[in-house]
């Protein structure tokens, strides 16, 4: 896997700065290693990456046990907003942190658009 970390970082920074109510984003490996991130101050990208891997692992197990098939997206909603983990091929997942005021339809559309930019930087 030849990864262009600089390009990933640029794409993430652009996504965070131009998408309404997005507070942060990261690309991580399924093993929990950070590839690139644009996270709010005070968030440790290694810790966020490890938690993302745990979310992915649990989501995959739930998908298998409940016969839901392969996981495309994991969505966690809390009092302060959303955490959305989206598959970006076999080698990476895309984590988005959004505020509670985020328009979910627009956010999902922007995530999909950004994934088309991120995938070539992973190959």
N, C-alpha and C. Protein backbone atom coordinates (compact mmCIF):
# COMPACT_ATOMS: atom_id res chain seq x y z
N UNK A 1 0.85 -1.17 0.00
CA UNK A 1 0.00 0.00 0.00
C UNK A 1 0.89 1.23 0.00
N UNK A 2 0.97 1.92 -1.11
CA UNK A 2 1.72 3.17 -1.22
C UNK A 2 0.76 4.32 -0.92
N UNK A 3 1.02 5.01 0.17
CA UNK A 3 0.09 6.04 0.63
C UNK A 3 0.72 7.41 0.51
N UNK A 4 -0.02 8.34 -0.05
CA UNK A 4 0.42 9.71 -0.15
C UNK A 4 -0.17 10.48 1.04
N UNK A 5 0.54 10.45 2.19
CA UNK A 5 0.05 11.05 3.43
C UNK A 5 -0.16 12.55 3.31
N UNK A 6 0.71 13.20 2.56
CA UNK A 6 0.57 14.65 2.38
C UNK A 6 -0.73 14.98 1.65
N UNK A 7 -1.03 14.23 0.59
CA UNK A 7 -2.26 14.43 -0.16
C UNK A 7 -3.48 14.12 0.70
N UNK A 8 -3.42 13.04 1.47
CA UNK A 8 -4.52 12.70 2.38
C UNK A 8 -4.78 13.85 3.35
N UNK A 9 -3.71 14.39 3.92
CA UNK A 9 -3.82 15.50 4.86
C UNK A 9 -4.47 16.73 4.24
N UNK A 10 -4.09 17.04 3.00
CA UNK A 10 -4.68 18.18 2.29
C UNK A 10 -6.18 17.98 2.05
N UNK A 11 -6.53 16.77 1.65
CA UNK A 11 -7.94 16.47 1.38
C UNK A 11 -8.75 16.58 2.67
N UNK A 12 -8.22 16.03 3.75
CA UNK A 12 -8.93 16.09 5.03
C UNK A 12 -9.09 17.53 5.51
N UNK A 13 -8.02 18.31 5.41
CA UNK A 13 -8.08 19.72 5.84
C UNK A 13 -9.11 20.48 5.03
N UNK A 14 -9.15 20.24 3.73
CA UNK A 14 -10.13 20.89 2.86
C UNK A 14 -11.54 20.47 3.24
N UNK A 15 -11.74 19.19 3.48
CA UNK A 15 -13.05 18.67 3.88
C UNK A 15 -13.54 19.34 5.17
N UNK A 16 -12.68 19.39 6.17
CA UNK A 16 -13.05 19.97 7.46
C UNK A 16 -13.35 21.46 7.33
N UNK A 17 -12.54 22.17 6.55
CA UNK A 17 -12.71 23.62 6.48
C UNK A 17 -13.88 24.05 5.57
N UNK A 18 -14.30 23.20 4.65
CA UNK A 18 -15.36 23.61 3.72
C UNK A 18 -16.72 22.96 3.96
N UNK A 19 -16.78 21.97 4.83
CA UNK A 19 -18.04 21.27 5.08
C UNK A 19 -18.64 21.78 6.38
N UNK A 20 -19.87 22.27 6.32
CA UNK A 20 -20.52 22.86 7.48
C UNK A 20 -20.66 21.90 8.65
N UNK A 21 -20.34 22.40 9.84
CA UNK A 21 -20.48 21.68 11.11
C UNK A 21 -19.57 20.46 11.25
N UNK A 22 -18.59 20.29 10.37
CA UNK A 22 -17.61 19.23 10.55
C UNK A 22 -16.50 19.77 11.44
N UNK A 23 -16.23 19.04 12.50
CA UNK A 23 -15.23 19.47 13.48
C UNK A 23 -13.87 18.80 13.28
N UNK A 24 -13.86 17.66 12.62
CA UNK A 24 -12.61 16.97 12.41
C UNK A 24 -12.79 15.75 11.51
N UNK A 25 -11.66 15.24 11.03
CA UNK A 25 -11.68 14.05 10.17
C UNK A 25 -10.33 13.35 10.26
N UNK A 26 -10.34 12.05 10.02
CA UNK A 26 -9.10 11.29 10.06
C UNK A 26 -9.21 10.09 9.13
N UNK A 27 -8.07 9.68 8.61
CA UNK A 27 -7.95 8.43 7.87
C UNK A 27 -7.10 7.51 8.73
N UNK A 28 -7.62 6.31 8.97
CA UNK A 28 -6.90 5.35 9.82
C UNK A 28 -6.90 3.98 9.17
N UNK A 29 -5.96 3.15 9.59
CA UNK A 29 -5.94 1.78 9.11
C UNK A 29 -6.92 0.96 9.94
N UNK A 30 -7.37 -0.17 9.43
CA UNK A 30 -8.25 -1.04 10.22
C UNK A 30 -7.58 -1.53 11.51
N UNK A 31 -6.25 -1.47 11.56
CA UNK A 31 -5.50 -1.87 12.76
C UNK A 31 -5.41 -0.74 13.79
N UNK A 32 -5.86 0.46 13.43
CA UNK A 32 -5.85 1.56 14.37
C UNK A 32 -4.65 2.48 14.27
N UNK A 33 -3.96 2.47 13.15
CA UNK A 33 -2.82 3.36 12.96
C UNK A 33 -3.27 4.60 12.18
N UNK A 34 -2.84 5.79 12.62
CA UNK A 34 -3.24 7.01 11.90
C UNK A 34 -2.50 7.13 10.57
N UNK A 35 -3.23 7.49 9.52
CA UNK A 35 -2.62 7.77 8.22
C UNK A 35 -2.52 9.27 8.00
N UNK A 36 -3.58 9.99 8.35
CA UNK A 36 -3.63 11.45 8.24
C UNK A 36 -4.82 11.92 9.06
N UNK A 37 -4.73 13.16 9.55
CA UNK A 37 -5.86 13.67 10.33
C UNK A 37 -5.92 15.18 10.30
N UNK A 38 -7.12 15.67 10.54
CA UNK A 38 -7.38 17.09 10.75
C UNK A 38 -8.40 17.14 11.88
N UNK A 39 -7.89 17.04 13.10
CA UNK A 39 -8.73 16.92 14.28
C UNK A 39 -8.71 18.20 15.10
N UNK A 40 -9.75 18.38 15.92
CA UNK A 40 -9.77 19.56 16.80
C UNK A 40 -8.59 19.51 17.78
N UNK A 41 -8.15 20.68 18.22
CA UNK A 41 -7.06 20.75 19.18
C UNK A 41 -7.35 19.94 20.43
N UNK A 42 -6.35 19.30 20.94
CA UNK A 42 -6.51 18.50 22.14
C UNK A 42 -6.85 17.04 21.88
N UNK A 43 -7.21 16.70 20.65
CA UNK A 43 -7.50 15.30 20.32
C UNK A 43 -6.22 14.64 19.84
N UNK A 44 -5.92 13.51 20.41
CA UNK A 44 -4.72 12.74 20.06
C UNK A 44 -5.06 11.82 18.89
N UNK A 45 -4.38 12.01 17.75
CA UNK A 45 -4.73 11.22 16.57
C UNK A 45 -4.48 9.73 16.76
N UNK A 46 -3.52 9.35 17.58
CA UNK A 46 -3.28 7.92 17.83
C UNK A 46 -4.42 7.31 18.64
N UNK A 47 -4.89 8.05 19.61
CA UNK A 47 -6.03 7.58 20.42
C UNK A 47 -7.30 7.50 19.58
N UNK A 48 -7.55 8.52 18.78
CA UNK A 48 -8.71 8.53 17.88
C UNK A 48 -8.63 7.36 16.91
N UNK A 49 -7.46 7.10 16.38
CA UNK A 49 -7.28 5.99 15.44
C UNK A 49 -7.56 4.65 16.11
N UNK A 50 -7.09 4.48 17.33
CA UNK A 50 -7.32 3.23 18.05
C UNK A 50 -8.82 3.03 18.33
N UNK A 51 -9.50 4.11 18.73
CA UNK A 51 -10.94 4.01 18.98
C UNK A 51 -11.70 3.72 17.69
N UNK A 52 -11.26 4.29 16.58
CA UNK A 52 -11.89 4.03 15.29
C UNK A 52 -11.77 2.55 14.92
N UNK A 53 -10.61 1.98 15.16
CA UNK A 53 -10.40 0.56 14.87
C UNK A 53 -11.31 -0.30 15.75
N UNK A 54 -11.48 0.09 17.01
CA UNK A 54 -12.37 -0.64 17.90
C UNK A 54 -13.82 -0.56 17.41
N UNK A 55 -14.24 0.65 16.97
CA UNK A 55 -15.58 0.82 16.41
C UNK A 55 -15.77 -0.08 15.20
N UNK A 56 -14.78 -0.09 14.31
CA UNK A 56 -14.85 -0.88 13.10
C UNK A 56 -14.94 -2.37 13.42
N UNK A 57 -14.12 -2.83 14.35
CA UNK A 57 -14.11 -4.23 14.72
C UNK A 57 -15.47 -4.66 15.29
N UNK A 58 -16.00 -3.85 16.18
CA UNK A 58 -17.30 -4.15 16.77
C UNK A 58 -18.40 -4.10 15.71
N UNK A 59 -18.35 -3.10 14.84
CA UNK A 59 -19.35 -2.99 13.78
C UNK A 59 -19.33 -4.19 12.86
N UNK A 60 -18.13 -4.65 12.51
CA UNK A 60 -18.02 -5.83 11.64
C UNK A 60 -18.59 -7.06 12.31
N UNK A 61 -18.34 -7.19 13.61
CA UNK A 61 -18.88 -8.34 14.34
C UNK A 61 -20.40 -8.28 14.41
N UNK A 62 -20.95 -7.09 14.65
CA UNK A 62 -22.40 -6.92 14.68
C UNK A 62 -22.99 -7.26 13.31
N UNK A 63 -22.36 -6.76 12.24
CA UNK A 63 -22.84 -7.06 10.90
C UNK A 63 -22.87 -8.54 10.62
N UNK A 64 -21.86 -9.24 11.08
CA UNK A 64 -21.78 -10.69 10.86
C UNK A 64 -22.81 -11.43 11.72
N UNK A 65 -22.82 -11.13 13.02
CA UNK A 65 -23.71 -11.84 13.94
C UNK A 65 -25.19 -11.59 13.64
N UNK A 66 -25.53 -10.39 13.19
CA UNK A 66 -26.92 -10.06 12.90
C UNK A 66 -27.27 -10.21 11.42
N UNK A 67 -26.35 -10.84 10.69
CA UNK A 67 -26.53 -11.14 9.27
C UNK A 67 -26.92 -9.88 8.48
N UNK A 68 -26.12 -8.83 8.65
CA UNK A 68 -26.34 -7.56 7.93
C UNK A 68 -25.35 -7.38 6.80
N UNK A 69 -24.40 -8.28 6.66
CA UNK A 69 -23.43 -8.20 5.59
C UNK A 69 -22.26 -7.30 5.93
N UNK A 70 -21.50 -6.95 4.91
CA UNK A 70 -20.31 -6.11 5.08
C UNK A 70 -20.73 -4.71 5.54
N UNK A 71 -19.97 -4.16 6.44
CA UNK A 71 -20.26 -2.84 6.99
C UNK A 71 -19.75 -1.76 6.04
N UNK A 72 -20.61 -0.83 5.69
CA UNK A 72 -20.23 0.29 4.85
C UNK A 72 -19.98 1.54 5.69
N UNK A 73 -20.80 1.70 6.75
CA UNK A 73 -20.71 2.91 7.56
C UNK A 73 -21.15 2.60 8.98
N UNK A 74 -20.47 3.18 9.95
CA UNK A 74 -20.85 3.08 11.36
C UNK A 74 -21.12 4.50 11.83
N UNK A 75 -22.26 4.66 12.46
CA UNK A 75 -22.75 5.98 12.81
C UNK A 75 -23.05 6.01 14.31
N UNK A 76 -22.40 6.93 15.05
CA UNK A 76 -22.63 7.07 16.48
C UNK A 76 -23.12 8.49 16.73
N UNK A 77 -24.27 8.60 17.37
CA UNK A 77 -24.83 9.91 17.67
C UNK A 77 -24.82 10.14 19.17
N UNK A 78 -24.28 11.28 19.59
CA UNK A 78 -24.25 11.66 20.99
C UNK A 78 -24.86 13.03 21.20
N UNK A 79 -24.87 13.49 22.42
CA UNK A 79 -25.44 14.79 22.76
C UNK A 79 -24.78 15.94 22.02
N UNK A 80 -23.49 15.81 21.73
CA UNK A 80 -22.73 16.90 21.12
C UNK A 80 -22.51 16.75 19.63
N UNK A 81 -22.97 15.63 19.05
CA UNK A 81 -22.79 15.48 17.61
C UNK A 81 -22.64 14.03 17.19
N UNK A 82 -22.00 13.84 16.03
CA UNK A 82 -21.90 12.54 15.38
C UNK A 82 -20.45 12.12 15.16
N UNK A 83 -20.25 10.81 15.17
CA UNK A 83 -19.00 10.20 14.71
C UNK A 83 -19.42 9.22 13.62
N UNK A 84 -18.86 9.41 12.44
CA UNK A 84 -19.22 8.56 11.31
C UNK A 84 -17.95 7.92 10.77
N UNK A 85 -17.94 6.61 10.76
CA UNK A 85 -16.80 5.84 10.27
C UNK A 85 -17.23 5.17 8.98
N UNK A 86 -16.55 5.49 7.88
CA UNK A 86 -16.93 4.99 6.56
C UNK A 86 -15.77 4.23 5.94
N UNK A 87 -16.07 3.10 5.35
CA UNK A 87 -15.06 2.29 4.68
C UNK A 87 -14.45 3.06 3.51
N UNK A 88 -13.15 2.91 3.36
CA UNK A 88 -12.43 3.52 2.23
C UNK A 88 -11.55 2.44 1.60
N UNK A 89 -12.17 1.34 1.26
CA UNK A 89 -11.42 0.20 0.73
C UNK A 89 -10.97 -0.70 1.87
N UNK A 90 -10.12 -1.65 1.56
CA UNK A 90 -9.68 -2.62 2.57
C UNK A 90 -8.60 -2.08 3.49
N UNK A 91 -7.91 -1.01 3.06
CA UNK A 91 -6.73 -0.56 3.80
C UNK A 91 -6.95 0.66 4.68
N UNK A 92 -8.15 1.26 4.64
CA UNK A 92 -8.35 2.47 5.43
C UNK A 92 -9.83 2.72 5.70
N UNK A 93 -10.07 3.48 6.75
CA UNK A 93 -11.41 3.96 7.06
C UNK A 93 -11.35 5.46 7.29
N UNK A 94 -12.44 6.13 6.99
CA UNK A 94 -12.56 7.58 7.06
C UNK A 94 -13.46 7.93 8.23
N UNK A 95 -12.92 8.62 9.21
CA UNK A 95 -13.67 9.05 10.39
C UNK A 95 -14.02 10.53 10.25
N UNK A 96 -15.29 10.86 10.50
CA UNK A 96 -15.74 12.24 10.46
C UNK A 96 -16.40 12.56 11.79
N UNK A 97 -16.02 13.69 12.37
CA UNK A 97 -16.63 14.19 13.60
C UNK A 97 -17.42 15.43 13.24
N UNK A 98 -18.72 15.41 13.50
CA UNK A 98 -19.59 16.53 13.13
C UNK A 98 -20.42 16.97 14.32
N UNK A 99 -20.73 18.25 14.35
CA UNK A 99 -21.56 18.81 15.41
C UNK A 99 -23.01 18.40 15.26
N UNK A 100 -23.78 18.60 16.33
CA UNK A 100 -25.18 18.16 16.32
C UNK A 100 -26.04 18.94 15.34
N UNK A 101 -25.59 20.11 14.90
CA UNK A 101 -26.35 20.91 13.94
C UNK A 101 -26.11 20.49 12.49
N UNK A 102 -25.23 19.53 12.27
CA UNK A 102 -24.90 19.10 10.91
C UNK A 102 -26.13 18.54 10.21
N UNK A 103 -26.29 18.92 8.96
CA UNK A 103 -27.37 18.39 8.12
C UNK A 103 -26.90 17.04 7.60
N UNK A 104 -27.54 15.98 8.06
CA UNK A 104 -27.06 14.63 7.79
C UNK A 104 -27.02 14.28 6.31
N UNK A 105 -28.02 14.68 5.54
CA UNK A 105 -28.03 14.37 4.11
C UNK A 105 -26.87 15.02 3.39
N UNK A 106 -26.65 16.30 3.68
CA UNK A 106 -25.54 17.04 3.06
C UNK A 106 -24.21 16.43 3.50
N UNK A 107 -24.10 16.10 4.78
CA UNK A 107 -22.88 15.52 5.31
C UNK A 107 -22.56 14.19 4.62
N UNK A 108 -23.55 13.33 4.45
CA UNK A 108 -23.32 12.03 3.78
C UNK A 108 -22.90 12.24 2.33
N UNK A 109 -23.48 13.22 1.67
CA UNK A 109 -23.10 13.54 0.30
C UNK A 109 -21.65 14.01 0.23
N UNK A 110 -21.25 14.86 1.16
CA UNK A 110 -19.87 15.36 1.19
C UNK A 110 -18.88 14.26 1.55
N UNK A 111 -19.27 13.36 2.42
CA UNK A 111 -18.41 12.21 2.76
C UNK A 111 -18.19 11.37 1.51
N UNK A 112 -19.26 11.09 0.78
CA UNK A 112 -19.15 10.29 -0.44
C UNK A 112 -18.25 10.97 -1.46
N UNK A 113 -18.41 12.28 -1.63
CA UNK A 113 -17.57 13.04 -2.57
C UNK A 113 -16.11 13.00 -2.14
N UNK A 114 -15.87 13.16 -0.86
CA UNK A 114 -14.49 13.17 -0.35
C UNK A 114 -13.84 11.81 -0.48
N UNK A 115 -14.61 10.74 -0.32
CA UNK A 115 -14.06 9.40 -0.49
C UNK A 115 -13.51 9.19 -1.90
N UNK A 116 -14.15 9.79 -2.90
CA UNK A 116 -13.64 9.66 -4.27
C UNK A 116 -12.30 10.37 -4.43
N UNK A 117 -12.02 11.37 -3.61
CA UNK A 117 -10.73 12.04 -3.62
C UNK A 117 -9.69 11.26 -2.81
N UNK A 118 -10.12 10.64 -1.71
CA UNK A 118 -9.20 9.96 -0.82
C UNK A 118 -8.67 8.64 -1.40
N UNK A 119 -9.53 7.89 -2.05
CA UNK A 119 -9.14 6.55 -2.53
C UNK A 119 -7.90 6.56 -3.44
N UNK A 120 -7.78 7.49 -4.40
CA UNK A 120 -6.57 7.48 -5.24
C UNK A 120 -5.28 7.76 -4.46
N UNK A 121 -5.38 8.49 -3.35
CA UNK A 121 -4.19 8.78 -2.54
C UNK A 121 -3.74 7.58 -1.72
N UNK A 122 -4.57 6.55 -1.67
CA UNK A 122 -4.23 5.31 -0.95
C UNK A 122 -3.57 4.29 -1.85
N UNK A 123 -3.71 4.44 -3.17
CA UNK A 123 -3.18 3.42 -4.10
C UNK A 123 -1.86 3.83 -4.70
